[in-house]
Amino acid sequence: MKPRKIPLRKCVACNQSMPKKELIRVVKTPDDVLLIDLTGKKAGRGAYLCGKQSCFKLAKKSRAFDRALKTPVSPDIYDALEQDFIKVEDEFIAGKEAVDDEHDDE
Protein backbone atom coordinates (compact mmCIF):
# COMPACT_ATOMS: atom_id res chain seq x y z
CA MET A 1 0.00 0.00 0.00
CA LYS A 2 1.26 3.45 -0.93
CA PRO A 3 2.15 5.74 2.03
CA ARG A 4 -0.21 8.63 2.62
CA LYS A 5 0.89 12.04 1.40
CA ILE A 6 1.27 14.52 4.26
CA PRO A 7 -0.18 17.97 3.43
CA LEU A 8 2.38 20.76 3.85
CA ARG A 9 1.64 24.39 4.66
CA LYS A 10 3.89 27.42 4.97
CA CYS A 11 4.18 29.61 8.05
CA VAL A 12 3.19 33.18 7.11
CA ALA A 13 5.96 34.61 9.32
CA CYS A 14 9.09 32.51 8.74
CA ASN A 15 8.05 30.90 5.40
CA GLN A 16 9.07 27.45 6.62
CA SER A 17 7.06 24.56 5.13
CA MET A 18 5.84 22.05 7.69
CA PRO A 19 3.16 19.37 7.95
CA LYS A 20 -0.24 20.98 8.38
CA LYS A 21 -0.78 19.38 11.81
CA GLU A 22 2.36 21.07 13.17
CA LEU A 23 1.05 24.58 12.45
CA ILE A 24 -1.63 26.73 14.05
CA ARG A 25 -4.35 27.94 11.67
CA VAL A 26 -5.82 31.42 11.92
CA VAL A 27 -9.06 31.58 9.97
CA LYS A 28 -11.20 34.42 8.63
CA THR A 29 -14.72 33.00 8.67
CA PRO A 30 -17.34 33.93 6.05
CA ASP A 31 -18.71 36.35 8.70
CA ASP A 32 -15.31 38.18 8.66
CA VAL A 33 -14.41 37.02 12.17
CA LEU A 34 -10.76 36.12 12.84
CA LEU A 35 -10.06 33.27 15.21
CA ILE A 36 -7.62 30.46 15.95
CA ASP A 37 -8.69 27.09 14.56
CA LEU A 38 -6.88 24.18 16.22
CA THR A 39 -9.01 21.62 14.37
CA GLY A 40 -8.05 23.02 10.95
CA LYS A 41 -11.57 22.38 9.67
CA LYS A 42 -13.49 25.61 10.19
CA ALA A 43 -14.89 27.22 7.06
CA GLY A 44 -13.07 30.26 5.75
CA ARG A 45 -9.73 31.49 4.49
CA GLY A 46 -6.83 30.26 6.57
CA ALA A 47 -3.28 31.34 7.33
CA TYR A 48 -0.80 29.08 9.10
CA LEU A 49 1.69 29.97 11.80
CA CYS A 50 4.39 28.05 13.66
CA GLY A 51 3.64 27.39 17.30
CA LYS A 52 6.39 29.81 18.34
CA GLN A 53 5.78 33.15 20.03
CA SER A 54 8.58 34.70 17.94
CA CYS A 55 6.75 33.78 14.72
CA PHE A 56 3.56 35.43 15.96
CA LYS A 57 5.46 38.60 16.83
CA LEU A 58 7.09 38.61 13.38
CA ALA A 59 3.69 38.10 11.71
CA LYS A 60 2.27 40.99 13.74
CA LYS A 61 5.20 43.27 12.89
CA SER A 62 5.13 42.47 9.16
CA ARG A 63 1.30 42.40 9.04
CA ALA A 64 1.48 38.93 7.48
CA PHE A 65 -2.16 38.13 8.25
CA ASP A 66 -3.30 41.14 6.19
CA ARG A 67 -1.65 39.62 3.13
CA ALA A 68 -2.49 35.98 3.80
CA LEU A 69 -6.15 36.57 4.66
CA LYS A 70 -6.57 39.26 1.98
CA THR A 71 -8.22 41.67 4.40
CA PRO A 72 -6.99 44.51 6.62
CA VAL A 73 -6.50 43.32 10.20
CA SER A 74 -6.68 46.00 12.87
CA PRO A 75 -4.07 46.21 15.66
CA ASP A 76 -6.69 45.37 18.32
CA ILE A 77 -7.48 42.12 16.48
CA TYR A 78 -3.75 41.29 16.43
CA ASP A 79 -3.71 41.91 20.20
CA ALA A 80 -6.75 39.67 20.72
CA LEU A 81 -5.17 36.98 18.54
CA GLU A 82 -1.97 37.26 20.57
CA GLN A 83 -3.91 36.64 23.79
CA ASP A 84 -5.67 33.66 22.18
CA PHE A 85 -2.35 32.42 20.82
CA ILE A 86 -0.81 32.45 24.30
CA LYS A 87 -3.84 30.53 25.68
CA VAL A 88 -3.81 27.81 22.99
CA GLU A 89 -0.01 27.51 22.71
CA ASP A 90 0.23 24.92 25.52
CA GLU A 91 -2.75 22.99 24.16
CA PHE A 92 -1.23 23.04 20.66
CA ILE A 93 2.18 21.84 21.89
CA ALA A 94 0.52 18.99 23.83
CA GLY A 95 -1.42 17.95 20.70
CA LYS A 96 1.72 18.15 18.59
CA GLU A 97 3.59 15.88 21.02
CA ALA A 98 0.72 13.37 20.87
CA VAL A 99 0.99 13.30 17.05
CA ASP A 100 4.77 12.82 17.32
CA ASP A 101 4.23 9.90 19.72
CA GLU A 102 1.85 8.26 17.20
CA HIS A 103 4.54 8.48 14.51
CA ASP A 104 7.13 6.97 16.87
CA ASP A 105 4.86 3.96 17.48
CA GLU A 106 4.66 3.14 13.76
C-alpha atoms as a PDB file:
ATOM      1  CA  MET A   1       0.000   0.000   0.000  1.00  0.00           C
ATOM      2  CA  LYS A   2       1.257   3.452  -0.927  1.00  0.00           C
ATOM      3  CA  PRO A   3       2.155   5.737   2.029  1.00  0.00           C
ATOM      4  CA  ARG A   4      -0.211   8.635   2.618  1.00  0.00           C
ATOM      5  CA  LYS A   5       0.887  12.043   1.405  1.00  0.00           C
ATOM      6  CA  ILE A   6       1.266  14.521   4.263  1.00  0.00           C
ATOM      7  CA  PRO A   7      -0.181  17.973   3.435  1.00  0.00           C
ATOM      8  CA  LEU A   8       2.379  20.760   3.852  1.00  0.00           C
ATOM      9  CA  ARG A   9       1.640  24.389   4.659  1.00  0.00           C
ATOM     10  CA  LYS A  10       3.891  27.419   4.967  1.00  0.00           C
ATOM     11  CA  CYS A  11       4.181  29.612   8.051  1.00  0.00           C
ATOM     12  CA  VAL A  12       3.192  33.184   7.105  1.00  0.00           C
ATOM     13  CA  ALA A  13       5.955  34.609   9.319  1.00  0.00           C
ATOM     14  CA  CYS A  14       9.091  32.510   8.738  1.00  0.00           C
ATOM     15  CA  ASN A  15       8.045  30.901   5.397  1.00  0.00           C
ATOM     16  CA  GLN A  16       9.073  27.447   6.619  1.00  0.00           C
ATOM     17  CA  SER A  17       7.063  24.558   5.128  1.00  0.00           C
ATOM     18  CA  MET A  18       5.843  22.052   7.691  1.00  0.00           C
ATOM     19  CA  PRO A  19       3.161  19.370   7.945  1.00  0.00           C
ATOM     20  CA  LYS A  20      -0.244  20.979   8.379  1.00  0.00           C
ATOM     21  CA  LYS A  21      -0.780  19.378  11.807  1.00  0.00           C
ATOM     22  CA  GLU A  22       2.361  21.074  13.174  1.00  0.00           C
ATOM     23  CA  LEU A  23       1.053  24.580  12.448  1.00  0.00           C
ATOM     24  CA  ILE A  24      -1.631  26.735  14.051  1.00  0.00           C
ATOM     25  CA  ARG A  25      -4.348  27.935  11.669  1.00  0.00           C
ATOM     26  CA  VAL A  26      -5.818  31.417  11.916  1.00  0.00           C
ATOM     27  CA  VAL A  27      -9.059  31.578   9.969  1.00  0.00           C
ATOM     28  CA  LYS A  28     -11.199  34.416   8.631  1.00  0.00           C
ATOM     29  CA  THR A  29     -14.718  33.004   8.671  1.00  0.00           C
ATOM     30  CA  PRO A  30     -17.338  33.928   6.048  1.00  0.00           C
ATOM     31  CA  ASP A  31     -18.706  36.352   8.701  1.00  0.00           C
ATOM     32  CA  ASP A  32     -15.305  38.183   8.660  1.00  0.00           C
ATOM     33  CA  VAL A  33     -14.410  37.016  12.173  1.00  0.00           C
ATOM     34  CA  LEU A  34     -10.761  36.124  12.835  1.00  0.00           C
ATOM     35  CA  LEU A  35     -10.056  33.274  15.212  1.00  0.00           C
ATOM     36  CA  ILE A  36      -7.624  30.459  15.948  1.00  0.00           C
ATOM     37  CA  ASP A  37      -8.693  27.089  14.560  1.00  0.00           C
ATOM     38  CA  LEU A  38      -6.878  24.183  16.220  1.00  0.00           C
ATOM     39  CA  THR A  39      -9.015  21.616  14.370  1.00  0.00           C
ATOM     40  CA  GLY A  40      -8.050  23.020  10.955  1.00  0.00           C
ATOM     41  CA  LYS A  41     -11.568  22.376   9.674  1.00  0.00           C
ATOM     42  CA  LYS A  42     -13.494  25.609  10.186  1.00  0.00           C
ATOM     43  CA  ALA A  43     -14.893  27.218   7.055  1.00  0.00           C
ATOM     44  CA  GLY A  44     -13.071  30.259   5.749  1.00  0.00           C
ATOM     45  CA  ARG A  45      -9.735  31.495   4.493  1.00  0.00           C
ATOM     46  CA  GLY A  46      -6.825  30.257   6.568  1.00  0.00           C
ATOM     47  CA  ALA A  47      -3.281  31.338   7.326  1.00  0.00           C
ATOM     48  CA  TYR A  48      -0.804  29.079   9.098  1.00  0.00           C
ATOM     49  CA  LEU A  49       1.692  29.966  11.797  1.00  0.00           C
ATOM     50  CA  CYS A  50       4.392  28.046  13.663  1.00  0.00           C
ATOM     51  CA  GLY A  51       3.640  27.391  17.304  1.00  0.00           C
ATOM     52  CA  LYS A  52       6.392  29.805  18.341  1.00  0.00           C
ATOM     53  CA  GLN A  53       5.777  33.150  20.030  1.00  0.00           C
ATOM     54  CA  SER A  54       8.579  34.701  17.938  1.00  0.00           C
ATOM     55  CA  CYS A  55       6.754  33.784  14.719  1.00  0.00           C
ATOM     56  CA  PHE A  56       3.562  35.431  15.959  1.00  0.00           C
ATOM     57  CA  LYS A  57       5.465  38.603  16.825  1.00  0.00           C
ATOM     58  CA  LEU A  58       7.092  38.606  13.376  1.00  0.00           C
ATOM     59  CA  ALA A  59       3.693  38.103  11.712  1.00  0.00           C
ATOM     60  CA  LYS A  60       2.274  40.986  13.742  1.00  0.00           C
ATOM     61  CA  LYS A  61       5.201  43.270  12.894  1.00  0.00           C
ATOM     62  CA  SER A  62       5.135  42.474   9.161  1.00  0.00           C
ATOM     63  CA  ARG A  63       1.304  42.403   9.038  1.00  0.00           C
ATOM     64  CA  ALA A  64       1.483  38.934   7.480  1.00  0.00           C
ATOM     65  CA  PHE A  65      -2.162  38.130   8.248  1.00  0.00           C
ATOM     66  CA  ASP A  66      -3.302  41.136   6.194  1.00  0.00           C
ATOM     67  CA  ARG A  67      -1.648  39.620   3.127  1.00  0.00           C
ATOM     68  CA  ALA A  68      -2.485  35.983   3.802  1.00  0.00           C
ATOM     69  CA  LEU A  69      -6.148  36.570   4.658  1.00  0.00           C
ATOM     70  CA  LYS A  70      -6.575  39.261   1.979  1.00  0.00           C
ATOM     71  CA  THR A  71      -8.219  41.666   4.398  1.00  0.00           C
ATOM     72  CA  PRO A  72      -6.990  44.506   6.622  1.00  0.00           C
ATOM     73  CA  VAL A  73      -6.498  43.323  10.200  1.00  0.00           C
ATOM     74  CA  SER A  74      -6.680  46.001  12.874  1.00  0.00           C
ATOM     75  CA  PRO A  75      -4.072  46.207  15.664  1.00  0.00           C
ATOM     76  CA  ASP A  76      -6.687  45.371  18.320  1.00  0.00           C
ATOM     77  CA  ILE A  77      -7.476  42.116  16.479  1.00  0.00           C
ATOM     78  CA  TYR A  78      -3.753  41.287  16.427  1.00  0.00           C
ATOM     79  CA  ASP A  79      -3.710  41.912  20.200  1.00  0.00           C
ATOM     80  CA  ALA A  80      -6.754  39.673  20.719  1.00  0.00           C
ATOM     81  CA  LEU A  81      -5.173  36.977  18.541  1.00  0.00           C
ATOM     82  CA  GLU A  82      -1.972  37.264  20.567  1.00  0.00           C
ATOM     83  CA  GLN A  83      -3.912  36.642  23.791  1.00  0.00           C
ATOM     84  CA  ASP A  84      -5.673  33.661  22.183  1.00  0.00           C
ATOM     85  CA  PHE A  85      -2.352  32.417  20.821  1.00  0.00           C
ATOM     86  CA  ILE A  86      -0.807  32.445  24.298  1.00  0.00           C
ATOM     87  CA  LYS A  87      -3.837  30.531  25.679  1.00  0.00           C
ATOM     88  CA  VAL A  88      -3.811  27.814  22.992  1.00  0.00           C
ATOM     89  CA  GLU A  89      -0.014  27.505  22.707  1.00  0.00           C
ATOM     90  CA  ASP A  90       0.230  24.923  25.518  1.00  0.00           C
ATOM     91  CA  GLU A  91      -2.752  22.986  24.158  1.00  0.00           C
ATOM     92  CA  PHE A  92      -1.232  23.038  20.658  1.00  0.00           C
ATOM     93  CA  ILE A  93       2.176  21.837  21.893  1.00  0.00           C
ATOM     94  CA  ALA A  94       0.522  18.987  23.834  1.00  0.00           C
ATOM     95  CA  GLY A  95      -1.423  17.953  20.705  1.00  0.00           C
ATOM     96  CA  LYS A  96       1.715  18.147  18.586  1.00  0.00           C
ATOM     97  CA  GLU A  97       3.594  15.879  21.018  1.00  0.00           C
ATOM     98  CA  ALA A  98       0.719  13.367  20.868  1.00  0.00           C
ATOM     99  CA  VAL A  99       0.994  13.304  17.052  1.00  0.00           C
ATOM    100  CA  ASP A 100       4.773  12.823  17.321  1.00  0.00           C
ATOM    101  CA  ASP A 101       4.228   9.899  19.724  1.00  0.00           C
ATOM    102  CA  GLU A 102       1.853   8.263  17.199  1.00  0.00           C
ATOM    103  CA  HIS A 103       4.540   8.482  14.514  1.00  0.00           C
ATOM    104  CA  ASP A 104       7.125   6.971  16.871  1.00  0.00           C
ATOM    105  CA  ASP A 105       4.862   3.962  17.480  1.00  0.00           C
ATOM    106  CA  GLU A 106       4.660   3.141  13.757  1.00  0.00           C
END
